[in-house]
Amino acid sequence: MSSIYRRVIRIGEKSIGITLPPRRWLDMLSVGIGDVVEISLVGKVIVLNQ
C-alpha cells in the first residue's frame, strides 16, 4: 500500500479541504475533473470510492 501526506488547507471562509494525490494515482483509478466520487468515513479512515 502506498501512502502520501497532505496538509489540510482553507478553502474560502467556511470550508477546509485537502488536495488529491498525484496524477498517476488518479489515472490508475480513472478519476478525473468533474467525476463524482463517494467519500465514506470508516472508523477513523476516510475512504474515496468511484
PDB file of N, CA and C in Angstrom:
ATOM      1  N   MET A   1       0.851  -1.188   0.000  1.00  0.00           N
ATOM      2  CA  MET A   1       0.000   0.000   0.000  1.00  0.00           C
ATOM      3  C   MET A   1       0.887   1.238   0.000  1.00  0.00           C
ATOM      4  N   SER A   2       0.579   2.173  -0.860  1.00  0.00           N
ATOM      5  CA  SER A   2       1.309   3.437  -0.912  1.00  0.00           C
ATOM      6  C   SER A   2       0.602   4.462  -0.047  1.00  0.00           C
ATOM      7  N   SER A   3       1.359   5.400   0.459  1.00  0.00           N
ATOM      8  CA  SER A   3       0.736   6.483   1.213  1.00  0.00           C
ATOM      9  C   SER A   3       1.456   7.779   0.898  1.00  0.00           C
ATOM     10  N   ILE A   4       0.745   8.862   1.140  1.00  0.00           N
ATOM     11  CA  ILE A   4       1.278  10.198   0.908  1.00  0.00           C
ATOM     12  C   ILE A   4       0.635  11.121   1.938  1.00  0.00           C
ATOM     13  N   TYR A   5       1.339  12.140   2.355  1.00  0.00           N
ATOM     14  CA  TYR A   5       0.806  13.073   3.344  1.00  0.00           C
ATOM     15  C   TYR A   5       0.326  14.335   2.647  1.00  0.00           C
ATOM     16  N   ARG A   6      -0.780  14.874   3.111  1.00  0.00           N
ATOM     17  CA  ARG A   6      -1.331  16.121   2.605  1.00  0.00           C
ATOM     18  C   ARG A   6      -1.650  17.031   3.780  1.00  0.00           C
ATOM     19  N   ARG A   7      -1.478  18.315   3.595  1.00  0.00           N
ATOM     20  CA  ARG A   7      -1.820  19.307   4.607  1.00  0.00           C
ATOM     21  C   ARG A   7      -3.265  19.753   4.397  1.00  0.00           C
ATOM     22  N   VAL A   8      -4.006  19.901   5.479  1.00  0.00           N
ATOM     23  CA  VAL A   8      -5.374  20.425   5.406  1.00  0.00           C
ATOM     24  C   VAL A   8      -5.276  21.921   5.126  1.00  0.00           C
ATOM     25  N   ILE A   9      -6.040  22.387   4.132  1.00  0.00           N
ATOM     26  CA  ILE A   9      -5.975  23.789   3.723  1.00  0.00           C
ATOM     27  C   ILE A   9      -7.346  24.451   3.842  1.00  0.00           C
ATOM     28  N   ARG A  10      -7.354  25.770   3.929  1.00  0.00           N
ATOM     29  CA  ARG A  10      -8.599  26.534   3.962  1.00  0.00           C
ATOM     30  C   ARG A  10      -9.056  26.772   2.530  1.00  0.00           C
ATOM     31  N   ILE A  11     -10.355  26.587   2.306  1.00  0.00           N
ATOM     32  CA  ILE A  11     -10.969  26.867   1.012  1.00  0.00           C
ATOM     33  C   ILE A  11     -12.120  27.837   1.280  1.00  0.00           C
ATOM     34  N   GLY A  12     -11.949  29.095   0.916  1.00  0.00           N
ATOM     35  CA  GLY A  12     -12.963  30.095   1.215  1.00  0.00           C
ATOM     36  C   GLY A  12     -12.970  30.432   2.699  1.00  0.00           C
ATOM     37  N   GLU A  13     -14.115  30.929   3.177  1.00  0.00           N
ATOM     38  CA  GLU A  13     -14.211  31.347   4.572  1.00  0.00           C
ATOM     39  C   GLU A  13     -14.622  30.238   5.529  1.00  0.00           C
ATOM     40  N   LYS A  14     -15.424  29.277   5.044  1.00  0.00           N
ATOM     41  CA  LYS A  14     -16.010  28.301   5.958  1.00  0.00           C
ATOM     42  C   LYS A  14     -15.614  26.860   5.692  1.00  0.00           C
ATOM     43  N   SER A  15     -14.875  26.594   4.648  1.00  0.00           N
ATOM     44  CA  SER A  15     -14.554  25.215   4.294  1.00  0.00           C
ATOM     45  C   SER A  15     -13.075  24.931   4.429  1.00  0.00           C
ATOM     46  N   ILE A  16     -12.761  23.652   4.613  1.00  0.00           N
ATOM     47  CA  ILE A  16     -11.381  23.187   4.594  1.00  0.00           C
ATOM     48  C   ILE A  16     -11.311  21.998   3.653  1.00  0.00           C
ATOM     49  N   GLY A  17     -10.124  21.633   3.222  1.00  0.00           N
ATOM     50  CA  GLY A  17     -10.006  20.509   2.304  1.00  0.00           C
ATOM     51  C   GLY A  17      -8.578  20.028   2.188  1.00  0.00           C
ATOM     52  N   ILE A  18      -8.408  19.009   1.374  1.00  0.00           N
ATOM     53  CA  ILE A  18      -7.089  18.503   1.020  1.00  0.00           C
ATOM     54  C   ILE A  18      -7.060  18.328  -0.489  1.00  0.00           C
ATOM     55  N   THR A  19      -5.878  18.375  -1.068  1.00  0.00           N
ATOM     56  CA  THR A  19      -5.761  18.111  -2.496  1.00  0.00           C
ATOM     57  C   THR A  19      -5.682  16.603  -2.702  1.00  0.00           C
ATOM     58  N   LEU A  20      -6.065  16.157  -3.884  1.00  0.00           N
ATOM     59  CA  LEU A  20      -5.994  14.735  -4.197  1.00  0.00           C
ATOM     60  C   LEU A  20      -4.557  14.342  -4.498  1.00  0.00           C
ATOM     61  N   PRO A  21      -4.271  13.039  -4.442  1.00  0.00           N
ATOM     62  CA  PRO A  21      -2.904  12.571  -4.643  1.00  0.00           C
ATOM     63  C   PRO A  21      -2.388  12.783  -6.068  1.00  0.00           C
ATOM     64  N   PRO A  22      -1.151  12.361  -6.307  1.00  0.00           N
ATOM     65  CA  PRO A  22      -0.525  12.598  -7.606  1.00  0.00           C
ATOM     66  C   PRO A  22      -1.363  12.094  -8.781  1.00  0.00           C
ATOM     67  N   ARG A  23      -1.199  12.732  -9.902  1.00  0.00           N
ATOM     68  CA  ARG A  23      -1.950  12.412 -11.122  1.00  0.00           C
ATOM     69  C   ARG A  23      -1.896  10.923 -11.475  1.00  0.00           C
ATOM     70  N   ARG A  24      -0.746  10.293 -11.288  1.00  0.00           N
ATOM     71  CA  ARG A  24      -0.615   8.882 -11.661  1.00  0.00           C
ATOM     72  C   ARG A  24      -1.566   8.003 -10.851  1.00  0.00           C
ATOM     73  N   TRP A  25      -1.827   8.369  -9.586  1.00  0.00           N
ATOM     74  CA  TRP A  25      -2.794   7.610  -8.783  1.00  0.00           C
ATOM     75  C   TRP A  25      -4.187   7.779  -9.358  1.00  0.00           C
ATOM     76  N   LEU A  26      -4.544   9.007  -9.702  1.00  0.00           N
ATOM     77  CA  LEU A  26      -5.881   9.265 -10.242  1.00  0.00           C
ATOM     78  C   LEU A  26      -6.056   8.588 -11.589  1.00  0.00           C
ATOM     79  N   ASP A  27      -5.014   8.564 -12.411  1.00  0.00           N
ATOM     80  CA  ASP A  27      -5.073   7.865 -13.698  1.00  0.00           C
ATOM     81  C   ASP A  27      -5.298   6.370 -13.490  1.00  0.00           C
ATOM     82  N   MET A  28      -4.641   5.770 -12.500  1.00  0.00           N
ATOM     83  CA  MET A  28      -4.824   4.349 -12.206  1.00  0.00           C
ATOM     84  C   MET A  28      -6.259   4.046 -11.790  1.00  0.00           C
ATOM     85  N   LEU A  29      -6.907   5.017 -11.149  1.00  0.00           N
ATOM     86  CA  LEU A  29      -8.290   4.845 -10.687  1.00  0.00           C
ATOM     87  C   LEU A  29      -9.317   5.342 -11.703  1.00  0.00           C
ATOM     88  N   SER A  30      -8.846   5.906 -12.790  1.00  0.00           N
ATOM     89  CA  SER A  30      -9.723   6.510 -13.811  1.00  0.00           C
ATOM     90  C   SER A  30     -10.601   7.601 -13.217  1.00  0.00           C
ATOM     91  N   VAL A  31     -10.020   8.438 -12.371  1.00  0.00           N
ATOM     92  CA  VAL A  31     -10.719   9.560 -11.747  1.00  0.00           C
ATOM     93  C   VAL A  31     -10.177  10.848 -12.352  1.00  0.00           C
ATOM     94  N   GLY A  32     -11.094  11.721 -12.786  1.00  0.00           N
ATOM     95  CA  GLY A  32     -10.679  12.976 -13.389  1.00  0.00           C
ATOM     96  C   GLY A  32     -11.565  14.131 -12.968  1.00  0.00           C
ATOM     97  N   ILE A  33     -11.252  15.294 -13.472  1.00  0.00           N
ATOM     98  CA  ILE A  33     -12.004  16.501 -13.167  1.00  0.00           C
ATOM     99  C   ILE A  33     -13.457  16.310 -13.588  1.00  0.00           C
ATOM    100  N   GLY A  34     -14.372  16.650 -12.703  1.00  0.00           N
ATOM    101  CA  GLY A  34     -15.799  16.554 -12.981  1.00  0.00           C
ATOM    102  C   GLY A  34     -16.425  15.221 -12.600  1.00  0.00           C
ATOM    103  N   ASP A  35     -15.611  14.215 -12.281  1.00  0.00           N
ATOM    104  CA  ASP A  35     -16.152  12.920 -11.879  1.00  0.00           C
ATOM    105  C   ASP A  35     -16.779  13.032 -10.489  1.00  0.00           C
ATOM    106  N   VAL A  36     -17.790  12.207 -10.253  1.00  0.00           N
ATOM    107  CA  VAL A  36     -18.424  12.131  -8.939  1.00  0.00           C
ATOM    108  C   VAL A  36     -17.809  10.948  -8.206  1.00  0.00           C
ATOM    109  N   VAL A  37     -17.389  11.169  -6.967  1.00  0.00           N
ATOM    110  CA  VAL A  37     -16.838  10.104  -6.130  1.00  0.00           C
ATOM    111  C   VAL A  37     -17.594  10.066  -4.810  1.00  0.00           C
ATOM    112  N   GLU A  38     -17.579   8.919  -4.169  1.00  0.00           N
ATOM    113  CA  GLU A  38     -18.205   8.754  -2.863  1.00  0.00           C
ATOM    114  C   GLU A  38     -17.116   8.824  -1.805  1.00  0.00           C
ATOM    115  N   ILE A  39     -17.349   9.587  -0.758  1.00  0.00           N
ATOM    116  CA  ILE A  39     -16.416   9.700   0.354  1.00  0.00           C
ATOM    117  C   ILE A  39     -17.108   9.130   1.591  1.00  0.00           C
ATOM    118  N   SER A  40     -16.479   8.141   2.221  1.00  0.00           N
ATOM    119  CA  SER A  40     -17.055   7.472   3.384  1.00  0.00           C
ATOM    120  C   SER A  40     -16.114   7.598   4.567  1.00  0.00           C
ATOM    121  N   LEU A  41     -16.684   7.566   5.747  1.00  0.00           N
ATOM    122  CA  LEU A  41     -15.904   7.539   6.976  1.00  0.00           C
ATOM    123  C   LEU A  41     -16.036   6.135   7.542  1.00  0.00           C
ATOM    124  N   VAL A  42     -14.923   5.402   7.621  1.00  0.00           N
ATOM    125  CA  VAL A  42     -14.890   4.037   8.129  1.00  0.00           C
ATOM    126  C   VAL A  42     -13.986   4.053   9.360  1.00  0.00           C
ATOM    127  N   GLY A  43     -14.602   4.069  10.511  1.00  0.00           N
ATOM    128  CA  GLY A  43     -13.821   4.234  11.748  1.00  0.00           C
ATOM    129  C   GLY A  43     -13.197   5.618  11.726  1.00  0.00           C
ATOM    130  N   LYS A  44     -11.878   5.680  11.735  1.00  0.00           N
ATOM    131  CA  LYS A  44     -11.169   6.958  11.650  1.00  0.00           C
ATOM    132  C   LYS A  44     -10.446   7.109  10.324  1.00  0.00           C
ATOM    133  N   VAL A  45     -10.950   6.406   9.304  1.00  0.00           N
ATOM    134  CA  VAL A  45     -10.339   6.425   7.977  1.00  0.00           C
ATOM    135  C   VAL A  45     -11.326   6.998   6.972  1.00  0.00           C
ATOM    136  N   ILE A  46     -10.871   7.947   6.145  1.00  0.00           N
ATOM    137  CA  ILE A  46     -11.682   8.485   5.070  1.00  0.00           C
ATOM    138  C   ILE A  46     -11.395   7.657   3.820  1.00  0.00           C
ATOM    139  N   VAL A  47     -12.460   7.125   3.200  1.00  0.00           N
ATOM    140  CA  VAL A  47     -12.326   6.251   2.039  1.00  0.00           C
ATOM    141  C   VAL A  47     -12.954   6.933   0.830  1.00  0.00           C
ATOM    142  N   LEU A  48     -12.237   6.950  -0.275  1.00  0.00           N
ATOM    143  CA  LEU A  48     -12.715   7.538  -1.529  1.00  0.00           C
ATOM    144  C   LEU A  48     -13.051   6.401  -2.480  1.00  0.00           C
ATOM    145  N   ASN A  49     -14.317   6.337  -2.934  1.00  0.00           N
ATOM    146  CA  ASN A  49     -14.772   5.310  -3.861  1.00  0.00           C
ATOM    147  C   ASN A  49     -15.261   5.949  -5.144  1.00  0.00           C
ATOM    148  N   GLN A  50     -15.118   5.223  -6.226  1.00  0.00           N
ATOM    149  CA  GLN A  50     -15.614   5.685  -7.523  1.00  0.00           C
ATOM    150  C   GLN A  50     -17.087   5.390  -7.631  1.00  0.00           C
TER     151      GLN A  50
END
